[in-house]
């Protein structure tokens, strides 16, 4: 007997469930990212479709310092499947919280 769920299984009527929204994908991915790394995402700074999934950019605080403007931040790229489950992630860069990108 077929059933439908968030992983894209076929429903009883033979139809795939509707695709998840970006917000739904991001919630699943952020929950898994915290579980894998122990890092708490500060902001999702980018998202784009990538094949059959998504590629997300997430900024996290890697090292809290006082004052907060001297904390060390990092940007991670998280690649997910279409259900938001992480298939890979990597740190792209580290920077001080008070740093800005060159124009």
PDB file of N, CA and C in Angstrom:
ATOM      1  N   UNK A   1       0.843  -1.172   0.000  1.00  0.00           N
ATOM      2  CA  UNK A   1       0.000   0.000   0.000  1.00  0.00           C
ATOM      3  C   UNK A   1       0.890   1.237   0.000  1.00  0.00           C
ATOM      4  N   UNK A   2       0.728   2.091  -0.940  1.00  0.00           N
ATOM      5  CA  UNK A   2       1.544   3.307  -1.053  1.00  0.00           C
ATOM      6  C   UNK A   2       1.041   4.361  -0.083  1.00  0.00           C
ATOM      7  N   UNK A   3       1.971   5.241   0.358  1.00  0.00           N
ATOM      8  CA  UNK A   3       1.597   6.324   1.250  1.00  0.00           C
ATOM      9  C   UNK A   3       2.367   7.575   0.880  1.00  0.00           C
ATOM     10  N   UNK A   4       1.939   8.686   1.398  1.00  0.00           N
ATOM     11  CA  UNK A   4       2.569   9.964   1.108  1.00  0.00           C
ATOM     12  C   UNK A   4       3.244  10.499   2.356  1.00  0.00           C
ATOM     13  N   UNK A   5       4.450  11.083   2.193  1.00  0.00           N
ATOM     14  CA  UNK A   5       5.114  11.749   3.308  1.00  0.00           C
ATOM     15  C   UNK A   5       6.046  12.813   2.772  1.00  0.00           C
ATOM     16  N   UNK A   6       6.796  13.474   3.683  1.00  0.00           N
ATOM     17  CA  UNK A   6       7.677  14.571   3.284  1.00  0.00           C
ATOM     18  C   UNK A   6       8.862  14.112   2.431  1.00  0.00           C
ATOM     19  N   UNK A   7       9.153  12.832   2.395  1.00  0.00           N
ATOM     20  CA  UNK A   7      10.284  12.357   1.611  1.00  0.00           C
ATOM     21  C   UNK A   7       9.929  12.115   0.146  1.00  0.00           C
ATOM     22  N   UNK A   8       8.761  12.460  -0.267  1.00  0.00           N
ATOM     23  CA  UNK A   8       8.403  12.396  -1.670  1.00  0.00           C
ATOM     24  C   UNK A   8       7.910  11.034  -2.131  1.00  0.00           C
ATOM     25  N   UNK A   9       7.419  10.194  -1.228  1.00  0.00           N
ATOM     26  CA  UNK A   9       6.908   8.899  -1.632  1.00  0.00           C
ATOM     27  C   UNK A   9       5.602   9.072  -2.409  1.00  0.00           C
ATOM     28  N   UNK A  10       5.257   8.075  -3.153  1.00  0.00           N
ATOM     29  CA  UNK A  10       4.049   8.105  -3.975  1.00  0.00           C
ATOM     30  C   UNK A  10       2.822   7.939  -3.083  1.00  0.00           C
ATOM     31  N   UNK A  11       1.780   8.720  -3.346  1.00  0.00           N
ATOM     32  CA  UNK A  11       0.546   8.635  -2.572  1.00  0.00           C
ATOM     33  C   UNK A  11      -0.269   7.436  -3.040  1.00  0.00           C
ATOM     34  N   UNK A  12      -1.384   7.183  -2.334  1.00  0.00           N
ATOM     35  CA  UNK A  12      -2.246   6.072  -2.700  1.00  0.00           C
ATOM     36  C   UNK A  12      -2.816   6.253  -4.094  1.00  0.00           C
ATOM     37  N   UNK A  13      -2.963   7.472  -4.549  1.00  0.00           N
ATOM     38  CA  UNK A  13      -3.527   7.730  -5.866  1.00  0.00           C
ATOM     39  C   UNK A  13      -2.451   7.738  -6.949  1.00  0.00           C
ATOM     40  N   UNK A  14      -1.206   7.412  -6.586  1.00  0.00           N
ATOM     41  CA  UNK A  14      -0.141   7.339  -7.571  1.00  0.00           C
ATOM     42  C   UNK A  14       0.491   8.675  -7.907  1.00  0.00           C
ATOM     43  N   UNK A  15       0.176   9.705  -7.121  1.00  0.00           N
ATOM     44  CA  UNK A  15       0.727  11.027  -7.386  1.00  0.00           C
ATOM     45  C   UNK A  15       1.798  11.351  -6.350  1.00  0.00           C
ATOM     46  N   UNK A  16       2.842  12.049  -6.780  1.00  0.00           N
ATOM     47  CA  UNK A  16       3.847  12.526  -5.841  1.00  0.00           C
ATOM     48  C   UNK A  16       3.275  13.689  -5.058  1.00  0.00           C
ATOM     49  N   UNK A  17       3.700  13.839  -3.791  1.00  0.00           N
ATOM     50  CA  UNK A  17       3.222  14.994  -3.028  1.00  0.00           C
ATOM     51  C   UNK A  17       3.783  16.276  -3.629  1.00  0.00           C
ATOM     52  N   UNK A  18       3.159  17.411  -3.347  1.00  0.00           N
ATOM     53  CA  UNK A  18       3.676  18.660  -3.901  1.00  0.00           C
ATOM     54  C   UNK A  18       5.072  18.929  -3.348  1.00  0.00           C
ATOM     55  N   UNK A  19       5.916  19.610  -4.110  1.00  0.00           N
ATOM     56  CA  UNK A  19       7.268  19.900  -3.629  1.00  0.00           C
ATOM     57  C   UNK A  19       7.216  20.803  -2.401  1.00  0.00           C
ATOM     58  N   UNK A  20       8.225  20.657  -1.544  1.00  0.00           N
ATOM     59  CA  UNK A  20       8.303  21.503  -0.358  1.00  0.00           C
ATOM     60  C   UNK A  20       8.665  22.919  -0.757  1.00  0.00           C
ATOM     61  N   UNK A  21       8.225  23.867   0.037  1.00  0.00           N
ATOM     62  CA  UNK A  21       8.616  25.258  -0.187  1.00  0.00           C
ATOM     63  C   UNK A  21      10.045  25.449   0.308  1.00  0.00           C
ATOM     64  N   UNK A  22      10.663  26.545  -0.100  1.00  0.00           N
ATOM     65  CA  UNK A  22      12.009  26.862   0.377  1.00  0.00           C
ATOM     66  C   UNK A  22      12.019  26.980   1.897  1.00  0.00           C
ATOM     67  N   UNK A  23      10.999  27.573   2.474  1.00  0.00           N
ATOM     68  CA  UNK A  23      10.931  27.715   3.931  1.00  0.00           C
ATOM     69  C   UNK A  23      10.904  26.345   4.614  1.00  0.00           C
ATOM     70  N   UNK A  24      10.160  25.393   4.053  1.00  0.00           N
ATOM     71  CA  UNK A  24      10.101  24.053   4.625  1.00  0.00           C
ATOM     72  C   UNK A  24      11.448  23.347   4.497  1.00  0.00           C
ATOM     73  N   UNK A  25      12.076  23.467   3.337  1.00  0.00           N
ATOM     74  CA  UNK A  25      13.401  22.873   3.116  1.00  0.00           C
ATOM     75  C   UNK A  25      14.399  23.459   4.103  1.00  0.00           C
ATOM     76  N   UNK A  26      14.379  24.776   4.272  1.00  0.00           N
ATOM     77  CA  UNK A  26      15.324  25.445   5.166  1.00  0.00           C
ATOM     78  C   UNK A  26      15.138  24.990   6.609  1.00  0.00           C
ATOM     79  N   UNK A  27      13.891  24.810   7.058  1.00  0.00           N
ATOM     80  CA  UNK A  27      13.645  24.348   8.437  1.00  0.00           C
ATOM     81  C   UNK A  27      14.266  22.973   8.673  1.00  0.00           C
ATOM     82  N   UNK A  28      14.071  22.070   7.732  1.00  0.00           N
ATOM     83  CA  UNK A  28      14.635  20.721   7.863  1.00  0.00           C
ATOM     84  C   UNK A  28      16.164  20.803   7.869  1.00  0.00           C
ATOM     85  N   UNK A  29      16.719  21.543   6.927  1.00  0.00           N
ATOM     86  CA  UNK A  29      18.183  21.639   6.809  1.00  0.00           C
ATOM     87  C   UNK A  29      18.801  22.294   8.037  1.00  0.00           C
ATOM     88  N   UNK A  30      18.195  23.359   8.553  1.00  0.00           N
ATOM     89  CA  UNK A  30      18.760  24.042   9.723  1.00  0.00           C
ATOM     90  C   UNK A  30      18.727  23.135  10.947  1.00  0.00           C
ATOM     91  N   UNK A  31      17.644  22.387  11.111  1.00  0.00           N
ATOM     92  CA  UNK A  31      17.547  21.451  12.235  1.00  0.00           C
ATOM     93  C   UNK A  31      18.672  20.412  12.147  1.00  0.00           C
ATOM     94  N   UNK A  32      18.915  19.865  10.961  1.00  0.00           N
ATOM     95  CA  UNK A  32      19.976  18.877  10.786  1.00  0.00           C
ATOM     96  C   UNK A  32      21.356  19.511  10.957  1.00  0.00           C
ATOM     97  N   UNK A  33      21.546  20.730  10.444  1.00  0.00           N
ATOM     98  CA  UNK A  33      22.825  21.414  10.564  1.00  0.00           C
ATOM     99  C   UNK A  33      23.211  21.600  12.033  1.00  0.00           C
ATOM    100  N   UNK A  34      22.259  22.041  12.855  1.00  0.00           N
ATOM    101  CA  UNK A  34      22.513  22.205  14.290  1.00  0.00           C
ATOM    102  C   UNK A  34      22.867  20.859  14.912  1.00  0.00           C
ATOM    103  N   UNK A  35      22.152  19.813  14.526  1.00  0.00           N
ATOM    104  CA  UNK A  35      22.410  18.477  15.066  1.00  0.00           C
ATOM    105  C   UNK A  35      23.822  17.998  14.687  1.00  0.00           C
ATOM    106  N   UNK A  36      24.228  18.236  13.451  1.00  0.00           N
ATOM    107  CA  UNK A  36      25.548  17.784  12.978  1.00  0.00           C
ATOM    108  C   UNK A  36      26.691  18.575  13.595  1.00  0.00           C
ATOM    109  N   UNK A  37      26.540  19.892  13.664  1.00  0.00           N
ATOM    110  CA  UNK A  37      27.669  20.763  13.999  1.00  0.00           C
ATOM    111  C   UNK A  37      27.624  21.344  15.404  1.00  0.00           C
ATOM    112  N   UNK A  38      26.454  21.447  15.993  1.00  0.00           N
ATOM    113  CA  UNK A  38      26.317  22.118  17.273  1.00  0.00           C
ATOM    114  C   UNK A  38      26.342  23.634  17.145  1.00  0.00           C
ATOM    115  N   UNK A  39      26.404  24.145  15.909  1.00  0.00           N
ATOM    116  CA  UNK A  39      26.430  25.586  15.654  1.00  0.00           C
ATOM    117  C   UNK A  39      25.015  26.093  15.410  1.00  0.00           C
ATOM    118  N   UNK A  40      24.717  27.265  15.968  1.00  0.00           N
ATOM    119  CA  UNK A  40      23.391  27.845  15.824  1.00  0.00           C
ATOM    120  C   UNK A  40      23.400  28.857  14.681  1.00  0.00           C
ATOM    121  N   UNK A  41      22.667  28.616  13.604  1.00  0.00           N
ATOM    122  CA  UNK A  41      22.642  29.552  12.482  1.00  0.00           C
ATOM    123  C   UNK A  41      22.151  30.935  12.894  1.00  0.00           C
ATOM    124  N   UNK A  42      22.874  31.971  12.460  1.00  0.00           N
ATOM    125  CA  UNK A  42      22.471  33.349  12.724  1.00  0.00           C
ATOM    126  C   UNK A  42      21.570  33.864  11.609  1.00  0.00           C
ATOM    127  N   UNK A  43      21.850  33.445  10.363  1.00  0.00           N
ATOM    128  CA  UNK A  43      21.066  33.913   9.217  1.00  0.00           C
ATOM    129  C   UNK A  43      21.299  33.008   8.020  1.00  0.00           C
ATOM    130  N   UNK A  44      20.244  32.824   7.231  1.00  0.00           N
ATOM    131  CA  UNK A  44      20.399  32.185   5.931  1.00  0.00           C
ATOM    132  C   UNK A  44      20.605  33.323   4.942  1.00  0.00           C
ATOM    133  N   UNK A  45      21.776  33.383   4.334  1.00  0.00           N
ATOM    134  CA  UNK A  45      22.121  34.525   3.486  1.00  0.00           C
ATOM    135  C   UNK A  45      21.999  34.234   2.000  1.00  0.00           C
ATOM    136  N   UNK A  46      21.644  33.017   1.640  1.00  0.00           N
ATOM    137  CA  UNK A  46      21.458  32.709   0.232  1.00  0.00           C
ATOM    138  C   UNK A  46      20.795  31.359   0.058  1.00  0.00           C
ATOM    139  N   UNK A  47      20.109  31.204  -1.062  1.00  0.00           N
ATOM    140  CA  UNK A  47      19.459  29.938  -1.404  1.00  0.00           C
ATOM    141  C   UNK A  47      19.260  29.894  -2.902  1.00  0.00           C
ATOM    142  N   UNK A  48      19.519  28.718  -3.475  1.00  0.00           N
ATOM    143  CA  UNK A  48      19.262  28.546  -4.906  1.00  0.00           C
ATOM    144  C   UNK A  48      18.970  27.083  -5.180  1.00  0.00           C
ATOM    145  N   UNK A  49      18.114  26.818  -6.150  1.00  0.00           N
ATOM    146  CA  UNK A  49      17.883  25.430  -6.546  1.00  0.00           C
ATOM    147  C   UNK A  49      19.175  24.846  -7.103  1.00  0.00           C
ATOM    148  N   UNK A  50      19.409  23.584  -6.812  1.00  0.00           N
ATOM    149  CA  UNK A  50      20.632  22.928  -7.276  1.00  0.00           C
ATOM    150  C   UNK A  50      20.296  21.487  -7.641  1.00  0.00           C
ATOM    151  N   UNK A  51      20.118  21.246  -8.925  1.00  0.00           N
ATOM    152  CA  UNK A  51      19.749  19.908  -9.366  1.00  0.00           C
ATOM    153  C   UNK A  51      18.394  19.525  -8.800  1.00  0.00           C
ATOM    154  N   UNK A  52      18.360  18.429  -8.042  1.00  0.00           N
ATOM    155  CA  UNK A  52      17.112  17.947  -7.457  1.00  0.00           C
ATOM    156  C   UNK A  52      16.965  18.391  -6.009  1.00  0.00           C
ATOM    157  N   UNK A  53      17.756  19.412  -5.598  1.00  0.00           N
ATOM    158  CA  UNK A  53      17.695  19.883  -4.217  1.00  0.00           C
ATOM    159  C   UNK A  53      17.953  21.373  -4.150  1.00  0.00           C
ATOM    160  N   UNK A  54      18.570  21.782  -3.036  1.00  0.00           N
ATOM    161  CA  UNK A  54      18.856  23.192  -2.796  1.00  0.00           C
ATOM    162  C   UNK A  54      20.273  23.357  -2.290  1.00  0.00           C
ATOM    163  N   UNK A  55      20.844  24.531  -2.573  1.00  0.00           N
ATOM    164  CA  UNK A  55      22.123  24.935  -2.008  1.00  0.00           C
ATOM    165  C   UNK A  55      21.856  26.188  -1.178  1.00  0.00           C
ATOM    166  N   UNK A  56      22.153  26.112   0.117  1.00  0.00           N
ATOM    167  CA  UNK A  56      21.865  27.198   1.047  1.00  0.00           C
ATOM    168  C   UNK A  56      23.167  27.775   1.596  1.00  0.00           C
ATOM    169  N   UNK A  57      23.216  29.073   1.816  1.00  0.00           N
ATOM    170  CA  UNK A  57      24.338  29.722   2.491  1.00  0.00           C
ATOM    171  C   UNK A  57      23.853  30.172   3.862  1.00  0.00           C
ATOM    172  N   UNK A  58      24.604  29.799   4.888  1.00  0.00           N
ATOM    173  CA  UNK A  58      24.206  30.075   6.255  1.00  0.00           C
ATOM    174  C   UNK A  58      25.380  30.672   7.012  1.00  0.00           C
ATOM    175  N   UNK A  59      25.134  31.773   7.726  1.00  0.00           N
ATOM    176  CA  UNK A  59      26.147  32.379   8.588  1.00  0.00           C
ATOM    177  C   UNK A  59      25.920  31.913  10.018  1.00  0.00           C
ATOM    178  N   UNK A  60      27.018  31.564  10.708  1.00  0.00           N
ATOM    179  CA  UNK A  60      26.966  31.127  12.096  1.00  0.00           C
ATOM    180  C   UNK A  60      28.046  31.858  12.893  1.00  0.00           C
ATOM    181  N   UNK A  61      27.843  31.945  14.184  1.00  0.00           N
ATOM    182  CA  UNK A  61      28.887  32.450  15.067  1.00  0.00           C
ATOM    183  C   UNK A  61      29.710  31.250  15.507  1.00  0.00           C
ATOM    184  N   UNK A  62      30.992  31.226  15.122  1.00  0.00           N
ATOM    185  CA  UNK A  62      31.856  30.108  15.505  1.00  0.00           C
ATOM    186  C   UNK A  62      32.565  30.351  16.830  1.00  0.00           C
ATOM    187  N   UNK A  63      32.835  31.614  17.149  1.00  0.00           N
ATOM    188  CA  UNK A  63      33.556  31.935  18.375  1.00  0.00           C
ATOM    189  C   UNK A  63      33.016  33.240  18.936  1.00  0.00           C
ATOM    190  N   UNK A  64      32.334  33.149  20.077  1.00  0.00           N
ATOM    191  CA  UNK A  64      31.783  34.347  20.731  1.00  0.00           C
ATOM    192  C   UNK A  64      32.913  35.088  21.436  1.00  0.00           C
ATOM    193  N   UNK A  65      32.976  36.386  21.221  1.00  0.00           N
ATOM    194  CA  UNK A  65      33.953  37.233  21.887  1.00  0.00           C
ATOM    195  C   UNK A  65      33.274  38.473  22.437  1.00  0.00           C
ATOM    196  N   UNK A  66      33.950  39.136  23.350  1.00  0.00           N
ATOM    197  CA  UNK A  66      33.479  40.415  23.890  1.00  0.00           C
ATOM    198  C   UNK A  66      34.490  41.464  23.468  1.00  0.00           C
ATOM    199  N   UNK A  67      34.072  42.518  22.805  1.00  0.00           N
ATOM    200  CA  UNK A  67      32.696  42.819  22.410  1.00  0.00           C
ATOM    201  C   UNK A  67      32.244  41.907  21.265  1.00  0.00           C
ATOM    202  N   UNK A  68      30.917  41.810  21.097  1.00  0.00           N
ATOM    203  CA  UNK A  68      30.333  40.922  20.082  1.00  0.00           C
ATOM    204  C   UNK A  68      30.836  41.231  18.678  1.00  0.00           C
ATOM    205  N   UNK A  69      31.221  42.490  18.430  1.00  0.00           N
ATOM    206  CA  UNK A  69      31.705  42.854  17.090  1.00  0.00           C
ATOM    207  C   UNK A  69      33.009  42.157  16.748  1.00  0.00           C
ATOM    208  N   UNK A  70      33.696  41.588  17.729  1.00  0.00           N
ATOM    209  CA  UNK A  70      34.941  40.874  17.445  1.00  0.00           C
ATOM    210  C   UNK A  70      34.740  39.362  17.374  1.00  0.00           C
ATOM    211  N   UNK A  71      33.488  38.900  17.482  1.00  0.00           N
ATOM    212  CA  UNK A  71      33.196  37.469  17.361  1.00  0.00           C
ATOM    213  C   UNK A  71      33.588  36.963  15.975  1.00  0.00           C
ATOM    214  N   UNK A  72      33.945  35.673  15.907  1.00  0.00           N
ATOM    215  CA  UNK A  72      34.324  35.058  14.638  1.00  0.00           C
ATOM    216  C   UNK A  72      33.096  34.379  14.042  1.00  0.00           C
ATOM    217  N   UNK A  73      32.762  34.780  12.830  1.00  0.00           N
ATOM    218  CA  UNK A  73      31.623  34.246  12.090  1.00  0.00           C
ATOM    219  C   UNK A  73      32.131  33.329  10.979  1.00  0.00           C
ATOM    220  N   UNK A  74      31.245  32.526  10.439  1.00  0.00           N
ATOM    221  CA  UNK A  74      31.588  31.671   9.301  1.00  0.00           C
ATOM    222  C   UNK A  74      30.371  31.539   8.396  1.00  0.00           C
ATOM    223  N   UNK A  75      30.634  31.362   7.117  1.00  0.00           N
ATOM    224  CA  UNK A  75      29.583  31.073   6.146  1.00  0.00           C
ATOM    225  C   UNK A  75      29.736  29.626   5.702  1.00  0.00           C
ATOM    226  N   UNK A  76      28.657  28.880   5.795  1.00  0.00           N
ATOM    227  CA  UNK A  76      28.626  27.484   5.360  1.00  0.00           C
ATOM    228  C   UNK A  76      27.710  27.349   4.159  1.00  0.00           C
ATOM    229  N   UNK A  77      28.105  26.483   3.233  1.00  0.00           N
ATOM    230  CA  UNK A  77      27.203  26.081   2.143  1.00  0.00           C
ATOM    231  C   UNK A  77      26.632  24.726   2.527  1.00  0.00           C
ATOM    232  N   UNK A  78      25.317  24.627   2.485  1.00  0.00           N
ATOM    233  CA  UNK A  78      24.627  23.383   2.817  1.00  0.00           C
ATOM    234  C   UNK A  78      23.868  22.929   1.580  1.00  0.00           C
ATOM    235  N   UNK A  79      24.173  21.737   1.104  1.00  0.00           N
ATOM    236  CA  UNK A  79      23.468  21.168  -0.044  1.00  0.00           C
ATOM    237  C   UNK A  79      22.476  20.138   0.469  1.00  0.00           C
ATOM    238  N   UNK A  80      21.225  20.246  -0.009  1.00  0.00           N
ATOM    239  CA  UNK A  80      20.172  19.354   0.462  1.00  0.00           C
ATOM    240  C   UNK A  80      19.543  18.595  -0.705  1.00  0.00           C
ATOM    241  N   UNK A  81      18.808  17.553  -0.347  1.00  0.00           N
ATOM    242  CA  UNK A  81      17.954  16.919  -1.348  1.00  0.00           C
ATOM    243  C   UNK A  81      16.656  17.721  -1.412  1.00  0.00           C
ATOM    244  N   UNK A  82      15.706  17.279  -2.187  1.00  0.00           N
ATOM    245  CA  UNK A  82      14.480  18.077  -2.363  1.00  0.00           C
ATOM    246  C   UNK A  82      13.624  18.130  -1.103  1.00  0.00           C
ATOM    247  N   UNK A  83      13.881  17.242  -0.148  1.00  0.00           N
ATOM    248  CA  UNK A  83      13.131  17.244   1.107  1.00  0.00           C
ATOM    249  C   UNK A  83      13.811  18.057   2.199  1.00  0.00           C
ATOM    250  N   UNK A  84      14.981  18.619   1.892  1.00  0.00           N
ATOM    251  CA  UNK A  84      15.688  19.439   2.861  1.00  0.00           C
ATOM    252  C   UNK A  84      16.728  18.696   3.669  1.00  0.00           C
ATOM    253  N   UNK A  85      16.861  17.404   3.455  1.00  0.00           N
ATOM    254  CA  UNK A  85      17.851  16.636   4.196  1.00  0.00           C
ATOM    255  C   UNK A  85      19.252  16.915   3.637  1.00  0.00           C
ATOM    256  N   UNK A  86      20.186  17.158   4.525  1.00  0.00           N
ATOM    257  CA  UNK A  86      21.542  17.536   4.119  1.00  0.00           C
ATOM    258  C   UNK A  86      22.248  16.365   3.440  1.00  0.00           C
ATOM    259  N   UNK A  87      22.821  16.649   2.268  1.00  0.00           N
ATOM    260  CA  UNK A  87      23.647  15.664   1.580  1.00  0.00           C
ATOM    261  C   UNK A  87      25.122  16.043   1.683  1.00  0.00           C
ATOM    262  N   UNK A  88      25.415  17.339   1.908  1.00  0.00           N
ATOM    263  CA  UNK A  88      26.793  17.774   2.153  1.00  0.00           C
ATOM    264  C   UNK A  88      26.773  19.190   2.721  1.00  0.00           C
ATOM    265  N   UNK A  89      27.854  19.543   3.413  1.00  0.00           N
ATOM    266  CA  UNK A  89      28.024  20.920   3.869  1.00  0.00           C
ATOM    267  C   UNK A  89      29.507  21.194   4.008  1.00  0.00           C
ATOM    268  N   UNK A  90      29.874  22.468   3.880  1.00  0.00           N
ATOM    269  CA  UNK A  90      31.271  22.854   4.040  1.00  0.00           C
ATOM    270  C   UNK A  90      31.359  24.317   4.445  1.00  0.00           C
ATOM    271  N   UNK A  91      32.420  24.627   5.198  1.00  0.00           N
ATOM    272  CA  UNK A  91      32.654  26.022   5.564  1.00  0.00           C
ATOM    273  C   UNK A  91      33.353  26.697   4.404  1.00  0.00           C
ATOM    274  N   UNK A  92      32.803  27.832   3.972  1.00  0.00           N
ATOM    275  CA  UNK A  92      33.367  28.564   2.843  1.00  0.00           C
ATOM    276  C   UNK A  92      34.345  29.646   3.282  1.00  0.00           C
ATOM    277  N   UNK A  93      34.029  30.320   4.396  1.00  0.00           N
ATOM    278  CA  UNK A  93      34.910  31.397   4.847  1.00  0.00           C
ATOM    279  C   UNK A  93      34.656  31.703   6.310  1.00  0.00           C
ATOM    280  N   UNK A  94      35.650  32.336   6.945  1.00  0.00           N
ATOM    281  CA  UNK A  94      35.531  32.847   8.314  1.00  0.00           C
ATOM    282  C   UNK A  94      35.819  34.335   8.276  1.00  0.00           C
ATOM    283  N   UNK A  95      35.176  35.076   9.172  1.00  0.00           N
ATOM    284  CA  UNK A  95      35.361  36.527   9.184  1.00  0.00           C
ATOM    285  C   UNK A  95      34.951  37.071  10.540  1.00  0.00           C
ATOM    286  N   UNK A  96      35.446  38.265  10.869  1.00  0.00           N
ATOM    287  CA  UNK A  96      35.013  38.942  12.092  1.00  0.00           C
ATOM    288  C   UNK A  96      33.620  39.490  11.874  1.00  0.00           C
ATOM    289  N   UNK A  97      32.831  39.502  12.911  1.00  0.00           N
ATOM    290  CA  UNK A  97      31.451  39.997  12.815  1.00  0.00           C
ATOM    291  C   UNK A  97      31.418  41.422  12.264  1.00  0.00           C
ATOM    292  N   UNK A  98      32.413  42.227  12.589  1.00  0.00           N
ATOM    293  CA  UNK A  98      32.404  43.619  12.139  1.00  0.00           C
ATOM    294  C   UNK A  98      32.975  43.800  10.731  1.00  0.00           C
ATOM    295  N   UNK A  99      33.381  42.715  10.071  1.00  0.00           N
ATOM    296  CA  UNK A  99      33.947  42.824   8.723  1.00  0.00           C
ATOM    297  C   UNK A  99      32.837  42.945   7.683  1.00  0.00           C
ATOM    298  N   UNK A 100      33.141  43.656   6.617  1.00  0.00           N
ATOM    299  CA  UNK A 100      32.225  43.758   5.481  1.00  0.00           C
ATOM    300  C   UNK A 100      32.943  43.275   4.241  1.00  0.00           C
ATOM    301  N   UNK A 101      32.186  42.786   3.286  1.00  0.00           N
ATOM    302  CA  UNK A 101      32.782  42.361   2.018  1.00  0.00           C
ATOM    303  C   UNK A 101      33.207  43.582   1.219  1.00  0.00           C
ATOM    304  N   UNK A 102      34.305  43.468   0.454  1.00  0.00           N
ATOM    305  CA  UNK A 102      34.703  44.599  -0.401  1.00  0.00           C
ATOM    306  C   UNK A 102      33.651  44.854  -1.474  1.00  0.00           C
ATOM    307  N   UNK A 103      33.471  46.100  -1.830  1.00  0.00           N
ATOM    308  CA  UNK A 103      32.470  46.475  -2.838  1.00  0.00           C
ATOM    309  C   UNK A 103      32.987  46.229  -4.233  1.00  0.00           C
TER     310      UNK A 103
END
